[in-house]
Amino acid sequence: QEKNYKIGSNGKWMKWLSPDDVLFPNTIEILVEEAKKLPENTIVYSNWEMIDEKGKKMRNFYESNYNNLDDFEFNVRLLNRQLINVNTVLIPASLFNKGCIMRTLNDTIAIDYDFFLRSGILYGTKFHLVEKNLLKYRIHKNQTSHKNIVKSLKYIDKIKKEILSNLDEITRNKYNLSLKKYSKNK
């Protein structure tokens, strides 16, 4: 059963973090300082390090930098399954106050993707990459995100269609056409 819930916040931003990941000591400070320079409706995200079960660095992960894309083109990338590591994001509380929700979904892996799509497509949210490693993302054998990935991808397709169904036909067709073109050319 899918449910909607609204996150209450007394602060200006919300930070998402999984319990097995690690923030660098100055992560929040860097994200907030960057967010202050940007329009209020901007989700800030960063690069990150992949670590193993014991905390040993495996490699750096560089998120795609779409800072110079317009909102529509960025949303096309999101529709094409361009995922952002949700644990790196700083989300403006104003987004929740405008009614953008995080839903409890049948597939927990899709919650962040659903939220990002809703934010960008339905609420005009911008996304901005901070080109620094600000998180240590732990990889381990029991990780939920690596189980049933095929099932999750099918569920994500369902979410995309649902979110696009909230748009007028002309805008929806424009997204679908641009997504086909982008998928073919990438």
N, C-alpha and C. Protein backbone atom coordinates (compact mmCIF):
# COMPACT_ATOMS: atom_id res chain seq x y z
N GLN A 1 0.84 -1.18 0.00
CA GLN A 1 0.00 0.00 0.00
C GLN A 1 0.89 1.25 0.00
N GLU A 2 0.71 2.09 -0.99
CA GLU A 2 1.48 3.33 -1.06
C GLU A 2 0.80 4.39 -0.21
N LYS A 3 1.61 5.14 0.53
CA LYS A 3 1.10 6.21 1.38
C LYS A 3 1.91 7.46 1.11
N ASN A 4 1.28 8.59 1.34
CA ASN A 4 1.97 9.86 1.23
C ASN A 4 2.18 10.40 2.62
N TYR A 5 3.30 11.05 2.85
CA TYR A 5 3.49 11.72 4.11
C TYR A 5 4.28 12.99 3.89
N LYS A 6 4.02 13.95 4.72
CA LYS A 6 4.68 15.24 4.62
C LYS A 6 5.72 15.32 5.73
N ILE A 7 6.88 15.80 5.41
CA ILE A 7 7.94 15.94 6.40
C ILE A 7 7.83 17.32 7.01
N GLY A 8 7.77 17.35 8.31
CA GLY A 8 7.76 18.63 9.01
C GLY A 8 9.19 19.05 9.28
N SER A 9 9.43 20.33 9.20
CA SER A 9 10.79 20.81 9.43
C SER A 9 10.72 22.19 10.04
N ASN A 10 11.50 22.38 11.08
CA ASN A 10 11.59 23.71 11.68
C ASN A 10 12.77 24.49 11.11
N GLY A 11 13.67 23.79 10.46
CA GLY A 11 14.86 24.42 9.91
C GLY A 11 14.66 24.81 8.46
N LYS A 12 15.73 25.29 7.85
CA LYS A 12 15.68 25.73 6.47
C LYS A 12 15.99 24.61 5.49
N TRP A 13 16.70 23.57 5.97
CA TRP A 13 17.06 22.45 5.10
C TRP A 13 16.84 21.12 5.80
N MET A 14 16.79 20.06 4.99
CA MET A 14 16.69 18.71 5.51
C MET A 14 17.82 17.90 4.90
N LYS A 15 18.52 17.12 5.72
CA LYS A 15 19.61 16.28 5.25
C LYS A 15 19.19 14.83 5.36
N TRP A 16 19.32 14.10 4.27
CA TRP A 16 19.00 12.68 4.20
C TRP A 16 20.30 11.91 4.42
N LEU A 17 20.29 10.90 5.27
CA LEU A 17 21.50 10.12 5.51
C LEU A 17 21.13 8.71 5.97
N SER A 18 21.72 7.71 5.32
CA SER A 18 21.53 6.32 5.74
C SER A 18 22.43 6.04 6.93
N PRO A 19 22.00 5.15 7.82
CA PRO A 19 22.76 4.91 9.06
C PRO A 19 24.13 4.27 8.86
N ASP A 20 24.38 3.66 7.71
CA ASP A 20 25.68 3.02 7.50
C ASP A 20 26.66 3.88 6.71
N ASP A 21 26.28 5.10 6.38
CA ASP A 21 27.16 6.02 5.66
C ASP A 21 27.78 7.02 6.62
N VAL A 22 28.82 7.73 6.16
CA VAL A 22 29.57 8.64 7.01
C VAL A 22 29.73 9.99 6.31
N LEU A 23 29.41 11.05 7.01
CA LEU A 23 29.64 12.40 6.50
C LEU A 23 31.05 12.84 6.87
N PHE A 24 31.68 13.63 6.00
CA PHE A 24 32.93 14.26 6.36
C PHE A 24 32.62 15.33 7.42
N PRO A 25 33.60 15.72 8.24
CA PRO A 25 33.33 16.67 9.33
C PRO A 25 32.71 18.00 8.89
N ASN A 26 33.03 18.49 7.70
CA ASN A 26 32.53 19.80 7.25
C ASN A 26 31.43 19.69 6.19
N THR A 27 30.84 18.53 6.01
CA THR A 27 29.85 18.32 4.95
C THR A 27 28.67 19.29 5.04
N ILE A 28 28.04 19.35 6.19
CA ILE A 28 26.85 20.20 6.35
C ILE A 28 27.20 21.66 6.09
N GLU A 29 28.30 22.11 6.64
CA GLU A 29 28.74 23.49 6.45
C GLU A 29 28.93 23.80 4.96
N ILE A 30 29.60 22.93 4.24
CA ILE A 30 29.85 23.15 2.80
C ILE A 30 28.53 23.16 2.02
N LEU A 31 27.65 22.19 2.28
CA LEU A 31 26.37 22.14 1.57
C LEU A 31 25.51 23.37 1.85
N VAL A 32 25.44 23.79 3.10
CA VAL A 32 24.63 24.96 3.46
C VAL A 32 25.21 26.22 2.83
N GLU A 33 26.52 26.39 2.90
CA GLU A 33 27.13 27.59 2.29
C GLU A 33 26.87 27.64 0.79
N GLU A 34 26.94 26.50 0.12
CA GLU A 34 26.65 26.46 -1.32
C GLU A 34 25.17 26.75 -1.57
N ALA A 35 24.29 26.15 -0.76
CA ALA A 35 22.84 26.35 -0.93
C ALA A 35 22.46 27.81 -0.75
N LYS A 36 23.13 28.52 0.13
CA LYS A 36 22.84 29.94 0.38
C LYS A 36 23.10 30.80 -0.86
N LYS A 37 23.97 30.34 -1.75
CA LYS A 37 24.32 31.10 -2.96
C LYS A 37 23.34 30.87 -4.09
N LEU A 38 22.44 29.89 -3.93
CA LEU A 38 21.57 29.44 -5.02
C LEU A 38 20.12 29.82 -4.75
N PRO A 39 19.26 29.74 -5.78
CA PRO A 39 17.84 29.99 -5.55
C PRO A 39 17.30 29.04 -4.46
N GLU A 40 16.32 29.51 -3.73
CA GLU A 40 15.77 28.76 -2.59
C GLU A 40 15.27 27.37 -2.95
N ASN A 41 14.81 27.17 -4.15
CA ASN A 41 14.23 25.87 -4.56
C ASN A 41 15.28 24.95 -5.19
N THR A 42 16.48 24.91 -4.62
CA THR A 42 17.57 24.11 -5.19
C THR A 42 17.96 22.99 -4.23
N ILE A 43 18.00 21.77 -4.75
CA ILE A 43 18.55 20.64 -4.02
C ILE A 43 20.03 20.57 -4.36
N VAL A 44 20.86 20.59 -3.34
CA VAL A 44 22.31 20.53 -3.51
C VAL A 44 22.76 19.10 -3.26
N TYR A 45 23.68 18.60 -4.10
CA TYR A 45 24.21 17.25 -3.92
C TYR A 45 25.71 17.27 -4.20
N SER A 46 26.40 16.18 -3.86
CA SER A 46 27.86 16.19 -3.98
C SER A 46 28.40 14.87 -4.50
N ASN A 47 29.70 14.88 -4.77
CA ASN A 47 30.43 13.65 -5.07
C ASN A 47 30.62 12.89 -3.76
N TRP A 48 31.11 11.66 -3.86
CA TRP A 48 31.25 10.83 -2.66
C TRP A 48 32.31 9.76 -2.84
N GLU A 49 32.70 9.17 -1.73
CA GLU A 49 33.65 8.06 -1.74
C GLU A 49 32.88 6.77 -1.44
N MET A 50 33.26 5.72 -2.12
CA MET A 50 32.70 4.40 -1.84
C MET A 50 33.64 3.72 -0.85
N ILE A 51 33.07 3.20 0.25
CA ILE A 51 33.87 2.48 1.24
C ILE A 51 33.32 1.07 1.42
N ASP A 52 34.16 0.17 1.89
CA ASP A 52 33.71 -1.20 2.12
C ASP A 52 33.10 -1.34 3.51
N GLU A 53 32.76 -2.56 3.89
CA GLU A 53 32.11 -2.83 5.17
C GLU A 53 32.92 -2.34 6.36
N LYS A 54 34.25 -2.32 6.22
CA LYS A 54 35.13 -1.92 7.32
C LYS A 54 35.52 -0.44 7.27
N GLY A 55 35.00 0.28 6.29
CA GLY A 55 35.29 1.71 6.17
C GLY A 55 36.48 2.05 5.31
N LYS A 56 37.07 1.06 4.64
CA LYS A 56 38.22 1.31 3.78
C LYS A 56 37.76 1.89 2.43
N LYS A 57 38.42 2.96 2.00
CA LYS A 57 38.07 3.60 0.74
C LYS A 57 38.32 2.66 -0.43
N MET A 58 37.29 2.51 -1.28
CA MET A 58 37.41 1.68 -2.47
C MET A 58 37.69 2.55 -3.69
N ARG A 59 36.94 3.66 -3.82
CA ARG A 59 37.14 4.57 -4.95
C ARG A 59 36.30 5.83 -4.77
N ASN A 60 36.58 6.84 -5.56
CA ASN A 60 35.77 8.06 -5.61
C ASN A 60 34.63 7.85 -6.59
N PHE A 61 33.51 8.50 -6.33
CA PHE A 61 32.40 8.49 -7.28
C PHE A 61 32.06 9.93 -7.60
N TYR A 62 32.10 10.25 -8.89
CA TYR A 62 31.82 11.60 -9.34
C TYR A 62 30.43 11.65 -9.95
N GLU A 63 29.54 12.38 -9.30
CA GLU A 63 28.17 12.55 -9.80
C GLU A 63 28.20 13.35 -11.10
N SER A 64 27.20 13.14 -11.92
CA SER A 64 27.10 13.92 -13.16
C SER A 64 26.87 15.38 -12.82
N ASN A 65 27.58 16.24 -13.52
CA ASN A 65 27.46 17.67 -13.29
C ASN A 65 26.55 18.27 -14.38
N TYR A 66 25.35 18.62 -13.95
CA TYR A 66 24.38 19.22 -14.85
C TYR A 66 24.08 20.66 -14.44
N ASN A 67 25.01 21.28 -13.74
CA ASN A 67 24.78 22.63 -13.22
C ASN A 67 24.44 23.64 -14.32
N ASN A 68 24.90 23.40 -15.54
CA ASN A 68 24.64 24.36 -16.61
C ASN A 68 23.46 23.99 -17.50
N LEU A 69 22.77 22.89 -17.18
CA LEU A 69 21.58 22.52 -17.96
C LEU A 69 20.36 23.29 -17.47
N ASP A 70 19.45 23.57 -18.39
CA ASP A 70 18.19 24.17 -17.94
C ASP A 70 17.36 23.08 -17.25
N ASP A 71 16.32 23.51 -16.56
CA ASP A 71 15.51 22.58 -15.76
C ASP A 71 14.93 21.45 -16.60
N PHE A 72 14.41 21.76 -17.78
CA PHE A 72 13.79 20.73 -18.62
C PHE A 72 14.81 19.66 -18.99
N GLU A 73 15.98 20.06 -19.45
CA GLU A 73 17.00 19.09 -19.85
C GLU A 73 17.48 18.26 -18.66
N PHE A 74 17.59 18.88 -17.49
CA PHE A 74 17.96 18.11 -16.31
C PHE A 74 16.88 17.07 -16.00
N ASN A 75 15.63 17.47 -16.08
CA ASN A 75 14.53 16.53 -15.81
C ASN A 75 14.52 15.37 -16.80
N VAL A 76 14.91 15.62 -18.04
CA VAL A 76 15.03 14.53 -19.02
C VAL A 76 16.08 13.54 -18.53
N ARG A 77 17.20 14.03 -17.99
CA ARG A 77 18.24 13.14 -17.45
C ARG A 77 17.68 12.32 -16.29
N LEU A 78 16.90 12.97 -15.42
CA LEU A 78 16.27 12.24 -14.32
C LEU A 78 15.33 11.16 -14.84
N LEU A 79 14.54 11.49 -15.83
CA LEU A 79 13.62 10.50 -16.41
C LEU A 79 14.38 9.33 -17.03
N ASN A 80 15.59 9.59 -17.47
CA ASN A 80 16.41 8.54 -18.06
C ASN A 80 17.14 7.72 -16.99
N ARG A 81 16.73 7.87 -15.78
CA ARG A 81 17.28 7.15 -14.62
C ARG A 81 18.62 7.69 -14.16
N GLN A 82 18.86 8.95 -14.41
CA GLN A 82 20.04 9.56 -13.82
C GLN A 82 19.78 9.69 -12.34
N LEU A 83 20.44 8.87 -11.58
CA LEU A 83 20.22 8.87 -10.14
C LEU A 83 21.28 9.69 -9.43
N ILE A 84 20.87 10.32 -8.37
CA ILE A 84 21.76 11.07 -7.50
C ILE A 84 21.80 10.30 -6.19
N ASN A 85 22.96 10.13 -5.60
CA ASN A 85 23.04 9.47 -4.31
C ASN A 85 22.32 10.34 -3.29
N VAL A 86 21.17 9.85 -2.85
CA VAL A 86 20.31 10.63 -1.96
C VAL A 86 21.00 11.01 -0.66
N ASN A 87 21.97 10.25 -0.26
CA ASN A 87 22.66 10.54 0.99
C ASN A 87 23.57 11.76 0.90
N THR A 88 23.80 12.26 -0.31
CA THR A 88 24.63 13.45 -0.48
C THR A 88 23.80 14.74 -0.51
N VAL A 89 22.48 14.64 -0.56
CA VAL A 89 21.67 15.83 -0.82
C VAL A 89 21.37 16.66 0.43
N LEU A 90 21.16 17.94 0.17
CA LEU A 90 20.61 18.87 1.14
C LEU A 90 19.36 19.43 0.48
N ILE A 91 18.21 19.22 1.12
CA ILE A 91 16.92 19.57 0.53
C ILE A 91 16.35 20.80 1.24
N PRO A 92 15.92 21.81 0.47
CA PRO A 92 15.31 22.98 1.11
C PRO A 92 13.95 22.61 1.71
N ALA A 93 13.74 23.00 2.97
CA ALA A 93 12.47 22.70 3.65
C ALA A 93 11.29 23.36 2.93
N SER A 94 11.54 24.45 2.23
CA SER A 94 10.48 25.13 1.51
C SER A 94 9.79 24.21 0.49
N LEU A 95 10.52 23.24 -0.01
CA LEU A 95 9.95 22.29 -0.95
C LEU A 95 8.82 21.49 -0.30
N PHE A 96 9.03 21.06 0.94
CA PHE A 96 7.98 20.33 1.66
C PHE A 96 6.81 21.25 1.99
N ASN A 97 7.13 22.50 2.32
CA ASN A 97 6.08 23.46 2.65
C ASN A 97 5.20 23.77 1.44
N LYS A 98 5.74 23.61 0.23
CA LYS A 98 4.97 23.83 -1.00
C LYS A 98 4.10 22.63 -1.34
N GLY A 99 4.28 21.52 -0.62
CA GLY A 99 3.44 20.34 -0.85
C GLY A 99 4.14 19.17 -1.51
N CYS A 100 5.43 19.31 -1.84
CA CYS A 100 6.15 18.18 -2.40
C CYS A 100 6.32 17.14 -1.30
N ILE A 101 5.95 15.94 -1.59
CA ILE A 101 5.92 14.91 -0.56
C ILE A 101 6.93 13.81 -0.84
N MET A 102 7.28 13.10 0.20
CA MET A 102 8.01 11.84 0.07
C MET A 102 6.96 10.77 0.32
N ARG A 103 6.89 9.85 -0.59
CA ARG A 103 5.88 8.81 -0.45
C ARG A 103 6.49 7.53 0.10
N THR A 104 5.71 6.81 0.88
CA THR A 104 6.08 5.47 1.28
C THR A 104 5.62 4.58 0.14
N LEU A 105 6.57 3.95 -0.55
CA LEU A 105 6.26 3.17 -1.74
C LEU A 105 6.43 1.68 -1.49
N ASN A 106 5.85 0.87 -2.36
CA ASN A 106 5.99 -0.58 -2.27
C ASN A 106 7.43 -1.03 -2.46
N ASP A 107 8.23 -0.23 -3.14
CA ASP A 107 9.64 -0.53 -3.36
C ASP A 107 10.45 0.61 -2.74
N THR A 108 11.07 0.34 -1.61
CA THR A 108 11.76 1.39 -0.87
C THR A 108 12.92 2.00 -1.64
N ILE A 109 13.47 1.28 -2.59
CA ILE A 109 14.59 1.81 -3.39
C ILE A 109 14.14 3.00 -4.23
N ALA A 110 12.87 3.05 -4.57
CA ALA A 110 12.36 4.07 -5.47
C ALA A 110 11.95 5.37 -4.78
N ILE A 111 11.98 5.41 -3.45
CA ILE A 111 11.50 6.59 -2.72
C ILE A 111 12.27 7.85 -3.11
N ASP A 112 13.59 7.78 -3.13
CA ASP A 112 14.37 8.97 -3.46
C ASP A 112 14.20 9.38 -4.92
N TYR A 113 14.17 8.40 -5.81
CA TYR A 113 13.99 8.70 -7.23
C TYR A 113 12.63 9.36 -7.47
N ASP A 114 11.61 8.81 -6.85
CA ASP A 114 10.26 9.38 -6.94
C ASP A 114 10.27 10.82 -6.44
N PHE A 115 10.92 11.06 -5.31
CA PHE A 115 10.97 12.40 -4.75
C PHE A 115 11.71 13.37 -5.68
N PHE A 116 12.85 12.93 -6.23
CA PHE A 116 13.59 13.80 -7.14
C PHE A 116 12.77 14.14 -8.38
N LEU A 117 12.10 13.13 -8.96
CA LEU A 117 11.25 13.39 -10.14
C LEU A 117 10.12 14.35 -9.81
N ARG A 118 9.43 14.11 -8.71
CA ARG A 118 8.35 15.02 -8.30
C ARG A 118 8.88 16.43 -8.09
N SER A 119 10.04 16.52 -7.41
CA SER A 119 10.63 17.83 -7.14
C SER A 119 10.94 18.58 -8.43
N GLY A 120 11.61 17.91 -9.36
CA GLY A 120 12.02 18.58 -10.60
C GLY A 120 10.89 18.84 -11.55
N ILE A 121 10.08 17.83 -11.81
CA ILE A 121 9.04 17.94 -12.84
C ILE A 121 7.80 18.67 -12.35
N LEU A 122 7.36 18.38 -11.15
CA LEU A 122 6.10 18.95 -10.67
C LEU A 122 6.27 20.22 -9.84
N TYR A 123 7.48 20.44 -9.27
CA TYR A 123 7.69 21.58 -8.39
C TYR A 123 8.80 22.53 -8.86
N GLY A 124 9.35 22.30 -10.04
CA GLY A 124 10.34 23.22 -10.60
C GLY A 124 11.61 23.37 -9.80
N THR A 125 11.98 22.33 -9.07
CA THR A 125 13.18 22.37 -8.25
C THR A 125 14.42 22.27 -9.13
N LYS A 126 15.43 23.00 -8.76
CA LYS A 126 16.71 22.94 -9.45
C LYS A 126 17.62 22.00 -8.66
N PHE A 127 18.64 21.46 -9.32
CA PHE A 127 19.61 20.57 -8.68
C PHE A 127 21.00 21.13 -8.98
N HIS A 128 21.85 21.12 -7.97
CA HIS A 128 23.18 21.71 -8.13
C HIS A 128 24.23 20.81 -7.49
N LEU A 129 25.25 20.45 -8.27
CA LEU A 129 26.34 19.61 -7.80
C LEU A 129 27.43 20.45 -7.14
N VAL A 130 27.84 20.05 -5.95
CA VAL A 130 29.03 20.57 -5.29
C VAL A 130 30.12 19.56 -5.63
N GLU A 131 31.14 20.00 -6.33
CA GLU A 131 32.16 19.07 -6.84
C GLU A 131 33.23 18.74 -5.81
N LYS A 132 32.76 18.23 -4.67
CA LYS A 132 33.65 17.77 -3.60
C LYS A 132 33.10 16.46 -3.07
N ASN A 133 33.98 15.59 -2.58
CA ASN A 133 33.53 14.38 -1.89
C ASN A 133 33.09 14.79 -0.49
N LEU A 134 31.81 14.57 -0.18
CA LEU A 134 31.28 14.99 1.12
C LEU A 134 30.62 13.84 1.89
N LEU A 135 30.74 12.63 1.36
CA LEU A 135 30.10 11.47 2.00
C LEU A 135 30.95 10.23 1.74
N LYS A 136 30.96 9.34 2.71
CA LYS A 136 31.53 8.01 2.52
C LYS A 136 30.35 7.05 2.48
N TYR A 137 30.12 6.48 1.30
CA TYR A 137 28.98 5.60 1.05
C TYR A 137 29.43 4.15 1.20
N ARG A 138 28.85 3.47 2.17
CA ARG A 138 29.28 2.12 2.50
C ARG A 138 28.57 1.09 1.61
N ILE A 139 29.37 0.21 1.01
CA ILE A 139 28.87 -0.90 0.20
C ILE A 139 29.03 -2.18 1.01
N HIS A 140 27.95 -2.96 1.10
CA HIS A 140 28.03 -4.23 1.80
C HIS A 140 27.05 -5.22 1.21
N LYS A 141 27.23 -6.48 1.50
CA LYS A 141 26.47 -7.56 0.87
C LYS A 141 24.99 -7.56 1.20
N ASN A 142 24.58 -6.98 2.31
CA ASN A 142 23.17 -6.98 2.69
C ASN A 142 22.44 -5.70 2.27
N GLN A 143 23.05 -4.92 1.42
CA GLN A 143 22.49 -3.63 1.03
C GLN A 143 21.18 -3.80 0.26
N THR A 144 20.16 -3.13 0.73
CA THR A 144 18.84 -3.22 0.12
C THR A 144 18.84 -2.79 -1.34
N SER A 145 19.63 -1.76 -1.68
CA SER A 145 19.61 -1.22 -3.03
C SER A 145 20.16 -2.18 -4.08
N HIS A 146 20.85 -3.22 -3.68
CA HIS A 146 21.40 -4.16 -4.65
C HIS A 146 20.57 -5.42 -4.81
N LYS A 147 19.53 -5.56 -3.99
CA LYS A 147 18.66 -6.73 -4.08
C LYS A 147 17.49 -6.41 -5.01
N ASN A 148 17.07 -7.35 -5.81
CA ASN A 148 15.90 -7.21 -6.68
C ASN A 148 15.96 -5.97 -7.57
N ILE A 149 17.10 -5.69 -8.15
CA ILE A 149 17.28 -4.48 -8.96
C ILE A 149 16.38 -4.47 -10.19
N VAL A 150 16.16 -5.61 -10.82
CA VAL A 150 15.30 -5.67 -12.01
C VAL A 150 13.87 -5.28 -11.64
N LYS A 151 13.40 -5.80 -10.54
CA LYS A 151 12.06 -5.45 -10.06
C LYS A 151 11.97 -3.95 -9.77
N SER A 152 13.01 -3.40 -9.16
CA SER A 152 13.03 -1.97 -8.85
C SER A 152 12.99 -1.12 -10.11
N LEU A 153 13.72 -1.52 -11.15
CA LEU A 153 13.73 -0.74 -12.39
C LEU A 153 12.35 -0.73 -13.05
N LYS A 154 11.64 -1.83 -13.00
CA LYS A 154 10.27 -1.87 -13.54
C LYS A 154 9.35 -0.95 -12.74
N TYR A 155 9.52 -0.94 -11.44
CA TYR A 155 8.72 -0.09 -10.58
C TYR A 155 9.00 1.38 -10.86
N ILE A 156 10.27 1.70 -11.12
CA ILE A 156 10.65 3.07 -11.45
C ILE A 156 9.98 3.52 -12.74
N ASP A 157 9.87 2.63 -13.73
CA ASP A 157 9.16 2.97 -14.97
C ASP A 157 7.71 3.33 -14.68
N LYS A 158 7.09 2.61 -13.78
CA LYS A 158 5.71 2.90 -13.38
C LYS A 158 5.61 4.29 -12.74
N ILE A 159 6.57 4.61 -11.89
CA ILE A 159 6.60 5.92 -11.23
C ILE A 159 6.74 7.04 -12.25
N LYS A 160 7.64 6.87 -13.22
CA LYS A 160 7.83 7.90 -14.25
C LYS A 160 6.52 8.18 -14.97
N LYS A 161 5.83 7.13 -15.39
CA LYS A 161 4.56 7.31 -16.10
C LYS A 161 3.54 8.02 -15.24
N GLU A 162 3.49 7.65 -13.97
CA GLU A 162 2.53 8.29 -13.05
C GLU A 162 2.81 9.78 -12.89
N ILE A 163 4.08 10.13 -12.70
CA ILE A 163 4.43 11.54 -12.52
C ILE A 163 4.16 12.34 -13.78
N LEU A 164 4.51 11.78 -14.94
CA LEU A 164 4.24 12.48 -16.20
C LEU A 164 2.75 12.63 -16.45
N SER A 165 1.94 11.74 -15.92
CA SER A 165 0.48 11.83 -16.12
C SER A 165 -0.11 13.06 -15.42
N ASN A 166 0.65 13.68 -14.53
CA ASN A 166 0.20 14.90 -13.85
C ASN A 166 0.38 16.15 -14.70
N LEU A 167 1.06 16.01 -15.82
CA LEU A 167 1.33 17.15 -16.70
C LEU A 167 0.29 17.24 -17.80
N ASP A 168 0.17 18.42 -18.39
CA ASP A 168 -0.72 18.54 -19.54
C ASP A 168 -0.13 17.73 -20.69
N GLU A 169 -0.97 17.38 -21.65
CA GLU A 169 -0.57 16.48 -22.73
C GLU A 169 0.62 17.01 -23.54
N ILE A 170 0.63 18.29 -23.81
CA ILE A 170 1.72 18.87 -24.62
C ILE A 170 3.05 18.74 -23.88
N THR A 171 3.09 19.08 -22.61
CA THR A 171 4.33 18.99 -21.83
C THR A 171 4.76 17.53 -21.67
N ARG A 172 3.81 16.65 -21.40
CA ARG A 172 4.10 15.23 -21.26
C ARG A 172 4.71 14.68 -22.56
N ASN A 173 4.12 15.03 -23.71
CA ASN A 173 4.64 14.58 -25.00
C ASN A 173 6.03 15.14 -25.27
N LYS A 174 6.26 16.39 -24.86
CA LYS A 174 7.58 17.00 -25.03
C LYS A 174 8.63 16.23 -24.22
N TYR A 175 8.29 15.88 -22.98
CA TYR A 175 9.22 15.08 -22.16
C TYR A 175 9.46 13.72 -22.79
N ASN A 176 8.41 13.03 -23.21
CA ASN A 176 8.57 11.70 -23.79
C ASN A 176 9.41 11.72 -25.06
N LEU A 177 9.18 12.71 -25.91
CA LEU A 177 9.96 12.85 -27.14
C LEU A 177 11.44 13.15 -26.83
N SER A 178 11.67 14.07 -25.91
CA SER A 178 13.05 14.42 -25.53
C SER A 178 13.75 13.24 -24.87
N LEU A 179 13.03 12.47 -24.09
CA LEU A 179 13.61 11.30 -23.43
C LEU A 179 14.02 10.25 -24.46
N LYS A 180 13.17 10.02 -25.45
CA LYS A 180 13.51 9.06 -26.52
C LYS A 180 14.76 9.52 -27.27
N LYS A 181 14.80 10.80 -27.60
CA LYS A 181 15.93 11.35 -28.34
C LYS A 181 17.20 11.24 -27.50
N TYR A 182 17.13 11.60 -26.22
CA TYR A 182 18.30 11.54 -25.33
C TYR A 182 18.77 10.09 -25.18
N SER A 183 17.86 9.16 -24.96
CA SER A 183 18.20 7.74 -24.78
C SER A 183 18.89 7.18 -26.02
N LYS A 184 18.41 7.60 -27.19
CA LYS A 184 18.97 7.11 -28.44
C LYS A 184 20.38 7.66 -28.68
N ASN A 185 20.60 8.91 -28.30
CA ASN A 185 21.87 9.58 -28.60
C ASN A 185 22.94 9.42 -27.53
N LYS A 186 22.60 8.95 -26.36
CA LYS A 186 23.62 8.91 -25.30
C LYS A 186 24.59 7.77 -25.45
